[in-house]
Structure formats: C-alpha cells, structure tokens
Amino acid sequence: MLQVGLTHFLVVSAILFSFGIYGIVTRKNAVMVLMGIELVLNAANINFIAFAKYGNFGFSGQMIALFVIILAAAEAAIALAIVLNIYKTFLSVNVDEIDHLKE
C-alpha cells in the first residue's frame, strides 16, 4: 500500500517551482509571468504545509501558508492593475517591449 510522505510533497513542490521559474524566465507576456510567480508561491505553500505536518512544527506552517495566500492575492490584484495601466499606456503587455516607464 502506497503512503504519501514528505518526499512526495517535496517532489510535487519542486515540479511546481520549476514550472513557475520556467514561466517567469521564458514568457514575454506579463500575465504569464504573474502566473509563474503564483506557481512559485504555491510551491512554497506546499512546502510550508508539508513541513508543518511531518516536522511537528504545530500550526506555524499553516499560519505562514495563510499569510502567503493573502500576500499572493494582494500581489495579483496590484500586479493586474499595473498590467492594465501598462496596456493602456503602451498598448502591449509584453515585458520586453516596455523599456521605459515615462515618456
């Protein structure tokens, strides 16, 4: 019988983290870069929860994960507002085409 252990959580977290870093580095669209950042934050949350469960740290891992979720929601709201403002100004959301902030 297969039991899910700490190693399984760490492998899933490493895969999510890798996909997130790949999305941040290779994508030109700002929305896709934000999605990569969200994947990295979700990978960190999986690590916090897994170490809280298997490391006997009590509820500290869950509290940090809750803080990261709140931080990710705030980051998404602010970043999407910035992306909309950039689109309104430059008519593009490609991060390589936006090379100056003030015209």
Protein backbone atom coordinates (compact mmCIF):
# COMPACT_ATOMS: atom_id res chain seq x y z
CA MET A 1 0.00 0.00 0.00
CA LEU A 2 1.32 3.40 -1.00
CA GLN A 3 1.61 6.02 1.69
CA VAL A 4 2.07 9.66 0.83
CA GLY A 5 5.05 11.04 2.69
CA LEU A 6 7.13 14.16 2.88
CA THR A 7 9.14 13.18 -0.19
CA HIS A 8 6.02 13.13 -2.37
CA PHE A 9 5.07 16.64 -1.28
CA LEU A 10 8.59 17.88 -1.90
CA VAL A 11 8.65 16.37 -5.40
CA VAL A 12 5.32 17.99 -6.32
CA SER A 13 6.56 21.27 -4.88
CA ALA A 14 9.82 21.06 -6.84
CA ILE A 15 7.90 20.40 -10.06
CA LEU A 16 5.59 23.36 -9.44
CA PHE A 17 8.56 25.56 -8.57
CA SER A 18 10.36 24.51 -11.76
CA PHE A 19 7.30 25.26 -13.90
CA GLY A 20 6.97 28.64 -12.20
CA ILE A 21 10.59 29.60 -12.77
CA TYR A 22 10.31 28.41 -16.39
CA GLY A 23 7.21 30.58 -16.85
CA ILE A 24 8.90 33.62 -15.32
CA VAL A 25 12.07 33.31 -17.39
CA THR A 26 10.71 32.32 -20.80
CA ARG A 27 7.42 34.20 -21.14
CA LYS A 28 7.17 37.67 -22.62
CA ASN A 29 3.55 38.29 -21.64
CA ALA A 30 3.24 40.00 -18.25
CA VAL A 31 0.15 37.98 -17.30
CA MET A 32 2.02 34.72 -17.93
CA VAL A 33 4.91 35.97 -15.78
CA LEU A 34 2.41 36.66 -12.98
CA MET A 35 1.07 33.12 -13.35
CA GLY A 36 4.63 31.83 -12.97
CA ILE A 37 5.02 33.84 -9.76
CA GLU A 38 1.78 32.32 -8.46
CA LEU A 39 3.14 28.82 -9.17
CA VAL A 40 6.30 29.62 -7.21
CA LEU A 41 4.22 30.86 -4.27
CA ASN A 42 2.04 27.72 -4.40
CA ALA A 43 5.17 25.56 -4.33
CA ALA A 44 6.31 27.40 -1.21
CA ASN A 45 2.88 26.84 0.36
CA ILE A 46 3.09 23.11 -0.28
CA ASN A 47 6.47 23.05 1.45
CA PHE A 48 5.18 25.01 4.45
CA ILE A 49 2.19 22.69 4.89
CA ALA A 50 4.23 19.51 4.38
CA PHE A 51 6.93 20.52 6.85
CA ALA A 52 4.27 21.59 9.35
CA LYS A 53 2.66 18.15 9.13
CA TYR A 54 5.75 15.95 9.02
CA GLY A 55 8.12 18.14 11.02
CA ASN A 56 5.94 18.51 14.14
CA PHE A 57 6.03 22.30 13.97
CA GLY A 58 2.42 22.70 15.05
CA PHE A 59 0.35 25.30 13.27
CA SER A 60 3.22 27.59 12.31
CA GLY A 61 3.39 26.18 8.76
CA GLN A 62 -0.33 26.67 8.25
CA MET A 63 -0.13 30.24 9.54
CA ILE A 64 2.74 31.07 7.19
CA ALA A 65 0.88 29.44 4.30
CA LEU A 66 -2.19 31.53 5.09
CA PHE A 67 0.00 34.64 5.09
CA VAL A 68 1.45 33.63 1.70
CA ILE A 69 -2.06 33.17 0.29
CA ILE A 70 -3.03 36.65 1.48
CA LEU A 71 0.20 38.03 0.03
CA ALA A 72 -0.45 36.29 -3.31
CA ALA A 73 -3.98 37.72 -3.52
CA ALA A 74 -2.71 41.23 -2.85
CA GLU A 75 0.14 40.76 -5.34
CA ALA A 76 -2.26 39.56 -8.02
CA ALA A 77 -4.62 42.49 -7.54
CA ILE A 78 -1.87 45.11 -7.59
CA ALA A 79 0.04 43.46 -10.44
CA LEU A 80 -3.05 43.18 -12.62
CA ALA A 81 -3.80 46.85 -12.02
CA ILE A 82 -0.24 47.69 -13.09
CA VAL A 83 -0.55 45.46 -16.18
CA LEU A 84 -3.82 47.17 -17.17
CA ASN A 85 -2.17 50.58 -16.76
CA ILE A 86 0.80 49.44 -18.85
CA TYR A 87 -1.55 48.16 -21.55
CA LYS A 88 -3.42 51.45 -21.56
CA THR A 89 -0.16 53.37 -21.97
CA PHE A 90 1.83 51.14 -24.36
CA LEU A 91 -0.94 49.02 -25.97
CA SER A 92 1.11 45.92 -25.18
CA VAL A 93 1.75 43.69 -22.18
CA ASN A 94 4.96 42.14 -23.47
CA VAL A 95 7.65 42.81 -20.89
CA ASP A 96 10.44 43.08 -23.47
CA GLU A 97 8.64 45.84 -25.41
CA ILE A 98 8.23 48.06 -22.37
CA ASP A 99 11.67 49.58 -21.94
CA HIS A 100 10.86 52.90 -20.33
CA LEU A 101 8.37 53.98 -17.70
CA LYS A 102 7.92 57.63 -18.55
CA GLU A 103 7.52 59.16 -21.97
